[in-house]
């Protein structure tokens, strides 16, 4: 999971990658998936590895690795709740209140 400072390091690469996809698609008249594969995510994935030491292979997953999108740690198992407003822990089922 990325804290807000780390997220700010990754975010410019993610948004620049979306623009690269649009440009590549326009230049080569490609469907979105074909335009995405060669250009999207290299910088963001590398920054993620530098920050965490984990080699993520799917750039789309990085959008979900932001700690602020999740709730506090569960009182039972310690895993983050799925959302800040979660009523129970998806991992162990303990009520969050």
PDB file of N, CA and C in Angstrom:
ATOM      1  N   UNK A   1       0.827  -1.187   0.000  1.00  0.00           N
ATOM      2  CA  UNK A   1       0.000   0.000   0.000  1.00  0.00           C
ATOM      3  C   UNK A   1       0.871   1.250   0.000  1.00  0.00           C
ATOM      4  N   UNK A   2       0.402   2.252  -0.663  1.00  0.00           N
ATOM      5  CA  UNK A   2       1.135   3.511  -0.768  1.00  0.00           C
ATOM      6  C   UNK A   2       0.507   4.574   0.116  1.00  0.00           C
ATOM      7  N   UNK A   3       1.342   5.260   0.907  1.00  0.00           N
ATOM      8  CA  UNK A   3       0.823   6.396   1.660  1.00  0.00           C
ATOM      9  C   UNK A   3       0.664   7.568   0.694  1.00  0.00           C
ATOM     10  N   UNK A   4       0.162   8.681   1.177  1.00  0.00           N
ATOM     11  CA  UNK A   4      -0.132   9.804   0.276  1.00  0.00           C
ATOM     12  C   UNK A   4       1.125  10.381  -0.378  1.00  0.00           C
ATOM     13  N   UNK A   5       2.233  10.432   0.335  1.00  0.00           N
ATOM     14  CA  UNK A   5       3.477  10.926  -0.263  1.00  0.00           C
ATOM     15  C   UNK A   5       3.919  10.005  -1.404  1.00  0.00           C
ATOM     16  N   UNK A   6       3.887   8.701  -1.173  1.00  0.00           N
ATOM     17  CA  UNK A   6       4.272   7.742  -2.207  1.00  0.00           C
ATOM     18  C   UNK A   6       3.298   7.790  -3.380  1.00  0.00           C
ATOM     19  N   UNK A   7       2.013   7.965  -3.072  1.00  0.00           N
ATOM     20  CA  UNK A   7       1.004   8.054  -4.135  1.00  0.00           C
ATOM     21  C   UNK A   7       1.300   9.232  -5.055  1.00  0.00           C
ATOM     22  N   UNK A   8       1.743  10.343  -4.494  1.00  0.00           N
ATOM     23  CA  UNK A   8       2.062  11.527  -5.296  1.00  0.00           C
ATOM     24  C   UNK A   8       3.276  11.287  -6.196  1.00  0.00           C
ATOM     25  N   UNK A   9       4.131  10.346  -5.853  1.00  0.00           N
ATOM     26  CA  UNK A   9       5.260   9.972  -6.713  1.00  0.00           C
ATOM     27  C   UNK A   9       4.768   9.167  -7.910  1.00  0.00           C
ATOM     28  N   UNK A  10       3.820   8.278  -7.678  1.00  0.00           N
ATOM     29  CA  UNK A  10       3.312   7.370  -8.723  1.00  0.00           C
ATOM     30  C   UNK A  10       2.290   8.036  -9.641  1.00  0.00           C
ATOM     31  N   UNK A  11       1.450   8.877  -9.093  1.00  0.00           N
ATOM     32  CA  UNK A  11       0.330   9.453  -9.850  1.00  0.00           C
ATOM     33  C   UNK A  11       0.730  10.141 -11.154  1.00  0.00           C
ATOM     34  N   UNK A  12       1.774  10.970 -11.191  1.00  0.00           N
ATOM     35  CA  UNK A  12       2.121  11.593 -12.477  1.00  0.00           C
ATOM     36  C   UNK A  12       2.452  10.569 -13.567  1.00  0.00           C
ATOM     37  N   UNK A  13       3.087   9.474 -13.188  1.00  0.00           N
ATOM     38  CA  UNK A  13       3.391   8.434 -14.173  1.00  0.00           C
ATOM     39  C   UNK A  13       2.120   7.757 -14.675  1.00  0.00           C
ATOM     40  N   UNK A  14       1.176   7.530 -13.783  1.00  0.00           N
ATOM     41  CA  UNK A  14      -0.085   6.902 -14.186  1.00  0.00           C
ATOM     42  C   UNK A  14      -0.867   7.803 -15.137  1.00  0.00           C
ATOM     43  N   UNK A  15      -0.963   9.077 -14.808  1.00  0.00           N
ATOM     44  CA  UNK A  15      -1.732   9.987 -15.665  1.00  0.00           C
ATOM     45  C   UNK A  15      -1.006  10.257 -16.979  1.00  0.00           C
ATOM     46  N   UNK A  16       0.318  10.343 -16.946  1.00  0.00           N
ATOM     47  CA  UNK A  16       1.075  10.519 -18.194  1.00  0.00           C
ATOM     48  C   UNK A  16       0.898   9.292 -19.081  1.00  0.00           C
ATOM     49  N   UNK A  17       0.828   8.132 -18.461  1.00  0.00           N
ATOM     50  CA  UNK A  17       0.632   6.906 -19.222  1.00  0.00           C
ATOM     51  C   UNK A  17      -0.690   6.889 -19.962  1.00  0.00           C
ATOM     52  N   UNK A  18      -1.729   7.435 -19.341  1.00  0.00           N
ATOM     53  CA  UNK A  18      -3.029   7.492 -20.024  1.00  0.00           C
ATOM     54  C   UNK A  18      -2.949   8.394 -21.254  1.00  0.00           C
ATOM     55  N   UNK A  19      -2.235   9.490 -21.144  1.00  0.00           N
ATOM     56  CA  UNK A  19      -2.069  10.376 -22.298  1.00  0.00           C
ATOM     57  C   UNK A  19      -1.239   9.689 -23.390  1.00  0.00           C
ATOM     58  N   UNK A  20      -0.243   8.927 -22.992  1.00  0.00           N
ATOM     59  CA  UNK A  20       0.575   8.191 -23.964  1.00  0.00           C
ATOM     60  C   UNK A  20      -0.274   7.182 -24.730  1.00  0.00           C
ATOM     61  N   UNK A  21      -1.197   6.548 -24.034  1.00  0.00           N
ATOM     62  CA  UNK A  21      -2.087   5.592 -24.705  1.00  0.00           C
ATOM     63  C   UNK A  21      -2.925   6.316 -25.751  1.00  0.00           C
ATOM     64  N   UNK A  22      -3.512   7.441 -25.372  1.00  0.00           N
ATOM     65  CA  UNK A  22      -4.337   8.205 -26.317  1.00  0.00           C
ATOM     66  C   UNK A  22      -3.534   8.622 -27.534  1.00  0.00           C
ATOM     67  N   UNK A  23      -2.328   9.123 -27.305  1.00  0.00           N
ATOM     68  CA  UNK A  23      -1.483   9.568 -28.421  1.00  0.00           C
ATOM     69  C   UNK A  23      -1.092   8.399 -29.321  1.00  0.00           C
ATOM     70  N   UNK A  24      -0.679   7.300 -28.704  1.00  0.00           N
ATOM     71  CA  UNK A  24      -0.267   6.118 -29.459  1.00  0.00           C
ATOM     72  C   UNK A  24      -1.444   5.558 -30.264  1.00  0.00           C
ATOM     73  N   UNK A  25      -2.614   5.539 -29.653  1.00  0.00           N
ATOM     74  CA  UNK A  25      -3.814   5.050 -30.322  1.00  0.00           C
ATOM     75  C   UNK A  25      -4.157   5.910 -31.533  1.00  0.00           C
ATOM     76  N   UNK A  26      -4.078   7.232 -31.339  1.00  0.00           N
ATOM     77  CA  UNK A  26      -4.399   8.162 -32.414  1.00  0.00           C
ATOM     78  C   UNK A  26      -3.401   8.029 -33.578  1.00  0.00           C
ATOM     79  N   UNK A  27      -2.120   7.949 -33.238  1.00  0.00           N
ATOM     80  CA  UNK A  27      -1.078   7.863 -34.280  1.00  0.00           C
ATOM     81  C   UNK A  27      -1.184   6.587 -35.107  1.00  0.00           C
ATOM     82  N   UNK A  28      -1.513   5.483 -34.442  1.00  0.00           N
ATOM     83  CA  UNK A  28      -1.488   4.188 -35.112  1.00  0.00           C
ATOM     84  C   UNK A  28      -2.861   3.606 -35.389  1.00  0.00           C
ATOM     85  N   UNK A  29      -3.919   4.351 -35.053  1.00  0.00           N
ATOM     86  CA  UNK A  29      -5.290   3.908 -35.308  1.00  0.00           C
ATOM     87  C   UNK A  29      -5.532   2.493 -34.759  1.00  0.00           C
ATOM     88  N   UNK A  30      -5.256   2.336 -33.455  1.00  0.00           N
ATOM     89  CA  UNK A  30      -5.346   1.033 -32.812  1.00  0.00           C
ATOM     90  C   UNK A  30      -6.514   0.964 -31.834  1.00  0.00           C
ATOM     91  N   UNK A  31      -7.027  -0.221 -31.576  1.00  0.00           N
ATOM     92  CA  UNK A  31      -7.975  -0.387 -30.479  1.00  0.00           C
ATOM     93  C   UNK A  31      -7.258  -0.096 -29.151  1.00  0.00           C
ATOM     94  N   UNK A  32      -8.014   0.215 -28.143  1.00  0.00           N
ATOM     95  CA  UNK A  32      -7.441   0.664 -26.875  1.00  0.00           C
ATOM     96  C   UNK A  32      -6.462  -0.349 -26.279  1.00  0.00           C
ATOM     97  N   UNK A  33      -6.802  -1.633 -26.268  1.00  0.00           N
ATOM     98  CA  UNK A  33      -5.920  -2.632 -25.661  1.00  0.00           C
ATOM     99  C   UNK A  33      -4.589  -2.727 -26.399  1.00  0.00           C
ATOM    100  N   UNK A  34      -4.623  -2.690 -27.705  1.00  0.00           N
ATOM    101  CA  UNK A  34      -3.383  -2.748 -28.479  1.00  0.00           C
ATOM    102  C   UNK A  34      -2.546  -1.490 -28.287  1.00  0.00           C
ATOM    103  N   UNK A  35      -3.193  -0.362 -28.097  1.00  0.00           N
ATOM    104  CA  UNK A  35      -2.461   0.885 -27.878  1.00  0.00           C
ATOM    105  C   UNK A  35      -1.884   0.935 -26.466  1.00  0.00           C
ATOM    106  N   UNK A  36      -2.561   0.292 -25.524  1.00  0.00           N
ATOM    107  CA  UNK A  36      -2.156   0.350 -24.121  1.00  0.00           C
ATOM    108  C   UNK A  36      -0.909  -0.477 -23.845  1.00  0.00           C
ATOM    109  N   UNK A  37      -0.860  -1.671 -24.344  1.00  0.00           N
ATOM    110  CA  UNK A  37       0.201  -2.606 -23.973  1.00  0.00           C
ATOM    111  C   UNK A  37       1.618  -2.083 -24.164  1.00  0.00           C
ATOM    112  N   UNK A  38       1.957  -1.470 -25.287  1.00  0.00           N
ATOM    113  CA  UNK A  38       3.360  -1.071 -25.445  1.00  0.00           C
ATOM    114  C   UNK A  38       3.771   0.203 -24.707  1.00  0.00           C
ATOM    115  N   UNK A  39       2.835   1.011 -24.252  1.00  0.00           N
ATOM    116  CA  UNK A  39       3.239   2.305 -23.701  1.00  0.00           C
ATOM    117  C   UNK A  39       2.878   2.550 -22.251  1.00  0.00           C
ATOM    118  N   UNK A  40       1.933   1.828 -21.678  1.00  0.00           N
ATOM    119  CA  UNK A  40       1.388   2.196 -20.378  1.00  0.00           C
ATOM    120  C   UNK A  40       2.107   1.532 -19.218  1.00  0.00           C
ATOM    121  N   UNK A  41       2.521   2.331 -18.267  1.00  0.00           N
ATOM    122  CA  UNK A  41       2.892   1.821 -16.969  1.00  0.00           C
ATOM    123  C   UNK A  41       4.344   1.634 -16.633  1.00  0.00           C
ATOM    124  N   UNK A  42       5.227   1.688 -17.594  1.00  0.00           N
ATOM    125  CA  UNK A  42       6.626   1.436 -17.298  1.00  0.00           C
ATOM    126  C   UNK A  42       7.177   2.293 -16.181  1.00  0.00           C
ATOM    127  N   UNK A  43       6.980   3.586 -16.250  1.00  0.00           N
ATOM    128  CA  UNK A  43       7.490   4.489 -15.227  1.00  0.00           C
ATOM    129  C   UNK A  43       6.835   4.278 -13.880  1.00  0.00           C
ATOM    130  N   UNK A  44       5.524   4.093 -13.875  1.00  0.00           N
ATOM    131  CA  UNK A  44       4.804   3.897 -12.617  1.00  0.00           C
ATOM    132  C   UNK A  44       5.208   2.579 -11.963  1.00  0.00           C
ATOM    133  N   UNK A  45       5.342   1.533 -12.750  1.00  0.00           N
ATOM    134  CA  UNK A  45       5.731   0.240 -12.192  1.00  0.00           C
ATOM    135  C   UNK A  45       7.141   0.301 -11.610  1.00  0.00           C
ATOM    136  N   UNK A  46       8.027   0.995 -12.274  1.00  0.00           N
ATOM    137  CA  UNK A  46       9.397   1.124 -11.773  1.00  0.00           C
ATOM    138  C   UNK A  46       9.435   1.949 -10.490  1.00  0.00           C
ATOM    139  N   UNK A  47       8.699   3.042 -10.448  1.00  0.00           N
ATOM    140  CA  UNK A  47       8.634   3.837  -9.219  1.00  0.00           C
ATOM    141  C   UNK A  47       8.032   3.026  -8.070  1.00  0.00           C
ATOM    142  N   UNK A  48       7.010   2.236  -8.368  1.00  0.00           N
ATOM    143  CA  UNK A  48       6.396   1.402  -7.340  1.00  0.00           C
ATOM    144  C   UNK A  48       7.423   0.420  -6.774  1.00  0.00           C
ATOM    145  N   UNK A  49       8.207  -0.189  -7.646  1.00  0.00           N
ATOM    146  CA  UNK A  49       9.243  -1.116  -7.192  1.00  0.00           C
ATOM    147  C   UNK A  49      10.282  -0.397  -6.329  1.00  0.00           C
ATOM    148  N   UNK A  50      10.693   0.791  -6.741  1.00  0.00           N
ATOM    149  CA  UNK A  50      11.674   1.555  -5.960  1.00  0.00           C
ATOM    150  C   UNK A  50      11.130   1.903  -4.576  1.00  0.00           C
ATOM    151  N   UNK A  51       9.843   2.205  -4.489  1.00  0.00           N
ATOM    152  CA  UNK A  51       9.244   2.586  -3.212  1.00  0.00           C
ATOM    153  C   UNK A  51       8.982   1.393  -2.289  1.00  0.00           C
ATOM    154  N   UNK A  52       8.580   0.269  -2.873  1.00  0.00           N
ATOM    155  CA  UNK A  52       8.114  -0.845  -2.056  1.00  0.00           C
ATOM    156  C   UNK A  52       9.015  -2.069  -2.062  1.00  0.00           C
ATOM    157  N   UNK A  53       9.824  -2.218  -3.094  1.00  0.00           N
ATOM    158  CA  UNK A  53      10.629  -3.430  -3.235  1.00  0.00           C
ATOM    159  C   UNK A  53       9.849  -4.586  -3.843  1.00  0.00           C
ATOM    160  N   UNK A  54       8.589  -4.354  -4.186  1.00  0.00           N
ATOM    161  CA  UNK A  54       7.742  -5.375  -4.793  1.00  0.00           C
ATOM    162  C   UNK A  54       7.590  -5.092  -6.273  1.00  0.00           C
ATOM    163  N   UNK A  55       7.800  -6.104  -7.108  1.00  0.00           N
ATOM    164  CA  UNK A  55       7.732  -5.943  -8.557  1.00  0.00           C
ATOM    165  C   UNK A  55       6.316  -6.253  -9.027  1.00  0.00           C
ATOM    166  N   UNK A  56       5.442  -5.232  -9.029  1.00  0.00           N
ATOM    167  CA  UNK A  56       4.070  -5.369  -9.545  1.00  0.00           C
ATOM    168  C   UNK A  56       4.164  -5.477 -11.063  1.00  0.00           C
ATOM    169  N   UNK A  57       3.346  -6.322 -11.660  1.00  0.00           N
ATOM    170  CA  UNK A  57       3.387  -6.506 -13.110  1.00  0.00           C
ATOM    171  C   UNK A  57       2.188  -5.899 -13.824  1.00  0.00           C
ATOM    172  N   UNK A  58       1.139  -5.565 -13.078  1.00  0.00           N
ATOM    173  CA  UNK A  58      -0.071  -5.006 -13.698  1.00  0.00           C
ATOM    174  C   UNK A  58      -0.242  -3.563 -13.247  1.00  0.00           C
ATOM    175  N   UNK A  59      -0.076  -2.667 -14.185  1.00  0.00           N
ATOM    176  CA  UNK A  59      -0.150  -1.247 -13.840  1.00  0.00           C
ATOM    177  C   UNK A  59      -1.533  -0.867 -13.324  1.00  0.00           C
ATOM    178  N   UNK A  60      -2.575  -1.535 -13.792  1.00  0.00           N
ATOM    179  CA  UNK A  60      -3.927  -1.231 -13.325  1.00  0.00           C
ATOM    180  C   UNK A  60      -4.065  -1.462 -11.822  1.00  0.00           C
ATOM    181  N   UNK A  61      -3.315  -2.402 -11.288  1.00  0.00           N
ATOM    182  CA  UNK A  61      -3.378  -2.702  -9.856  1.00  0.00           C
ATOM    183  C   UNK A  61      -2.892  -1.525  -9.013  1.00  0.00           C
ATOM    184  N   UNK A  62      -2.017  -0.707  -9.560  1.00  0.00           N
ATOM    185  CA  UNK A  62      -1.477   0.415  -8.793  1.00  0.00           C
ATOM    186  C   UNK A  62      -2.562   1.395  -8.374  1.00  0.00           C
ATOM    187  N   UNK A  63      -3.610   1.508  -9.165  1.00  0.00           N
ATOM    188  CA  UNK A  63      -4.703   2.411  -8.816  1.00  0.00           C
ATOM    189  C   UNK A  63      -5.376   1.982  -7.507  1.00  0.00           C
ATOM    190  N   UNK A  64      -5.236   0.719  -7.117  1.00  0.00           N
ATOM    191  CA  UNK A  64      -5.876   0.191  -5.908  1.00  0.00           C
ATOM    192  C   UNK A  64      -4.916   0.099  -4.725  1.00  0.00           C
ATOM    193  N   UNK A  65      -3.672   0.487  -4.920  1.00  0.00           N
ATOM    194  CA  UNK A  65      -2.660   0.361  -3.869  1.00  0.00           C
ATOM    195  C   UNK A  65      -2.506   1.636  -3.048  1.00  0.00           C
ATOM    196  N   UNK A  66      -3.499   2.465  -3.044  1.00  0.00           N
ATOM    197  CA  UNK A  66      -3.468   3.730  -2.296  1.00  0.00           C
ATOM    198  C   UNK A  66      -4.116   3.517  -0.927  1.00  0.00           C
ATOM    199  N   UNK A  67      -3.337   3.697   0.101  1.00  0.00           N
ATOM    200  CA  UNK A  67      -3.795   3.457   1.460  1.00  0.00           C
ATOM    201  C   UNK A  67      -5.029   4.285   1.822  1.00  0.00           C
ATOM    202  N   UNK A  68      -5.112   5.514   1.315  1.00  0.00           N
ATOM    203  CA  UNK A  68      -6.234   6.402   1.646  1.00  0.00           C
ATOM    204  C   UNK A  68      -7.579   5.870   1.144  1.00  0.00           C
ATOM    205  N   UNK A  69      -7.572   4.959   0.180  1.00  0.00           N
ATOM    206  CA  UNK A  69      -8.817   4.386  -0.322  1.00  0.00           C
ATOM    207  C   UNK A  69      -9.373   3.331   0.618  1.00  0.00           C
ATOM    208  N   UNK A  70      -8.557   2.865   1.552  1.00  0.00           N
ATOM    209  CA  UNK A  70      -8.947   1.794   2.456  1.00  0.00           C
ATOM    210  C   UNK A  70      -9.233   2.361   3.837  1.00  0.00           C
ATOM    211  N   UNK A  71      -9.842   1.545   4.659  1.00  0.00           N
ATOM    212  CA  UNK A  71     -10.137   1.950   6.021  1.00  0.00           C
ATOM    213  C   UNK A  71      -8.982   1.638   6.960  1.00  0.00           C
ATOM    214  N   UNK A  72      -9.214   1.835   8.240  1.00  0.00           N
ATOM    215  CA  UNK A  72      -8.174   1.544   9.233  1.00  0.00           C
ATOM    216  C   UNK A  72      -7.945   0.034   9.341  1.00  0.00           C
ATOM    217  N   UNK A  73      -6.890  -0.361  10.020  1.00  0.00           N
ATOM    218  CA  UNK A  73      -6.667  -1.805  10.216  1.00  0.00           C
ATOM    219  C   UNK A  73      -7.788  -2.424  11.055  1.00  0.00           C
ATOM    220  N   UNK A  74      -8.133  -3.646  10.727  1.00  0.00           N
ATOM    221  CA  UNK A  74      -9.140  -4.390  11.477  1.00  0.00           C
ATOM    222  C   UNK A  74      -8.618  -4.654  12.889  1.00  0.00           C
ATOM    223  N   UNK A  75      -9.513  -4.543  13.877  1.00  0.00           N
ATOM    224  CA  UNK A  75      -9.143  -4.817  15.275  1.00  0.00           C
ATOM    225  C   UNK A  75      -8.851  -6.294  15.493  1.00  0.00           C
ATOM    226  N   UNK A  76      -9.375  -7.148  14.619  1.00  0.00           N
ATOM    227  CA  UNK A  76      -9.197  -8.590  14.790  1.00  0.00           C
ATOM    228  C   UNK A  76      -7.976  -9.147  14.088  1.00  0.00           C
ATOM    229  N   UNK A  77      -7.864  -8.869  12.789  1.00  0.00           N
ATOM    230  CA  UNK A  77      -6.787  -9.494  12.009  1.00  0.00           C
ATOM    231  C   UNK A  77      -5.701  -8.521  11.568  1.00  0.00           C
ATOM    232  N   UNK A  78      -5.979  -7.216  11.679  1.00  0.00           N
ATOM    233  CA  UNK A  78      -4.969  -6.227  11.317  1.00  0.00           C
ATOM    234  C   UNK A  78      -4.947  -5.827   9.852  1.00  0.00           C
ATOM    235  N   UNK A  79      -5.699  -6.498   9.000  1.00  0.00           N
ATOM    236  CA  UNK A  79      -5.738  -6.128   7.588  1.00  0.00           C
ATOM    237  C   UNK A  79      -6.572  -4.864   7.423  1.00  0.00           C
ATOM    238  N   UNK A  80      -6.253  -4.047   6.416  1.00  0.00           N
ATOM    239  CA  UNK A  80      -7.047  -2.829   6.234  1.00  0.00           C
ATOM    240  C   UNK A  80      -8.475  -3.147   5.812  1.00  0.00           C
ATOM    241  N   UNK A  81      -9.418  -2.384   6.352  1.00  0.00           N
ATOM    242  CA  UNK A  81     -10.804  -2.522   5.920  1.00  0.00           C
ATOM    243  C   UNK A  81     -10.888  -2.071   4.466  1.00  0.00           C
ATOM    244  N   UNK A  82     -11.832  -2.598   3.732  1.00  0.00           N
ATOM    245  CA  UNK A  82     -11.908  -2.328   2.292  1.00  0.00           C
ATOM    246  C   UNK A  82     -12.187  -0.873   1.948  1.00  0.00           C
ATOM    247  N   UNK A  83     -12.920  -0.188   2.817  1.00  0.00           N
ATOM    248  CA  UNK A  83     -13.201   1.236   2.612  1.00  0.00           C
ATOM    249  C   UNK A  83     -13.163   1.927   3.970  1.00  0.00           C
ATOM    250  N   UNK A  84     -13.034   3.245   3.980  1.00  0.00           N
ATOM    251  CA  UNK A  84     -13.068   3.951   5.255  1.00  0.00           C
ATOM    252  C   UNK A  84     -14.399   3.790   5.996  1.00  0.00           C
ATOM    253  N   UNK A  85     -15.486   3.458   5.289  1.00  0.00           N
ATOM    254  CA  UNK A  85     -16.810   3.317   5.907  1.00  0.00           C
ATOM    255  C   UNK A  85     -17.258   1.865   6.055  1.00  0.00           C
ATOM    256  N   UNK A  86     -16.351   0.917   5.925  1.00  0.00           N
ATOM    257  CA  UNK A  86     -16.713  -0.504   5.982  1.00  0.00           C
ATOM    258  C   UNK A  86     -17.345  -0.852   7.328  1.00  0.00           C
ATOM    259  N   UNK A  87     -18.396  -1.651   7.292  1.00  0.00           N
ATOM    260  CA  UNK A  87     -19.098  -2.062   8.506  1.00  0.00           C
ATOM    261  C   UNK A  87     -18.486  -3.319   9.120  1.00  0.00           C
ATOM    262  N   UNK A  88     -17.743  -4.082   8.319  1.00  0.00           N
ATOM    263  CA  UNK A  88     -17.097  -5.292   8.817  1.00  0.00           C
ATOM    264  C   UNK A  88     -15.849  -5.572   7.993  1.00  0.00           C
ATOM    265  N   UNK A  89     -14.982  -6.400   8.510  1.00  0.00           N
ATOM    266  CA  UNK A  89     -13.743  -6.763   7.835  1.00  0.00           C
ATOM    267  C   UNK A  89     -14.032  -7.868   6.814  1.00  0.00           C
ATOM    268  N   UNK A  90     -13.638  -7.652   5.577  1.00  0.00           N
ATOM    269  CA  UNK A  90     -13.865  -8.663   4.538  1.00  0.00           C
ATOM    270  C   UNK A  90     -12.982  -9.884   4.755  1.00  0.00           C
ATOM    271  N   UNK A  91     -11.868  -9.722   5.438  1.00  0.00           N
ATOM    272  CA  UNK A  91     -10.952 -10.843   5.641  1.00  0.00           C
ATOM    273  C   UNK A  91     -11.410 -11.780   6.754  1.00  0.00           C
ATOM    274  N   UNK A  92     -11.813 -11.234   7.893  1.00  0.00           N
ATOM    275  CA  UNK A  92     -12.162 -12.098   9.038  1.00  0.00           C
ATOM    276  C   UNK A  92     -13.613 -11.979   9.490  1.00  0.00           C
ATOM    277  N   UNK A  93     -14.350 -10.980   8.995  1.00  0.00           N
ATOM    278  CA  UNK A  93     -15.769 -10.842   9.304  1.00  0.00           C
ATOM    279  C   UNK A  93     -16.094 -10.054  10.557  1.00  0.00           C
ATOM    280  N   UNK A  94     -15.090  -9.586  11.283  1.00  0.00           N
ATOM    281  CA  UNK A  94     -15.332  -8.836  12.515  1.00  0.00           C
ATOM    282  C   UNK A  94     -15.996  -7.496  12.202  1.00  0.00           C
ATOM    283  N   UNK A  95     -17.011  -7.134  12.982  1.00  0.00           N
ATOM    284  CA  UNK A  95     -17.666  -5.826  12.819  1.00  0.00           C
ATOM    285  C   UNK A  95     -16.647  -4.732  13.117  1.00  0.00           C
ATOM    286  N   UNK A  96     -16.690  -3.663  12.351  1.00  0.00           N
ATOM    287  CA  UNK A  96     -15.670  -2.607  12.496  1.00  0.00           C
ATOM    288  C   UNK A  96     -15.989  -1.621  13.598  1.00  0.00           C
ATOM    289  N   UNK A  97     -17.184  -1.643  14.144  1.00  0.00           N
ATOM    290  CA  UNK A  97     -17.522  -0.677  15.217  1.00  0.00           C
ATOM    291  C   UNK A  97     -17.596  -1.327  16.559  1.00  0.00           C
TER     292      UNK A  97
END
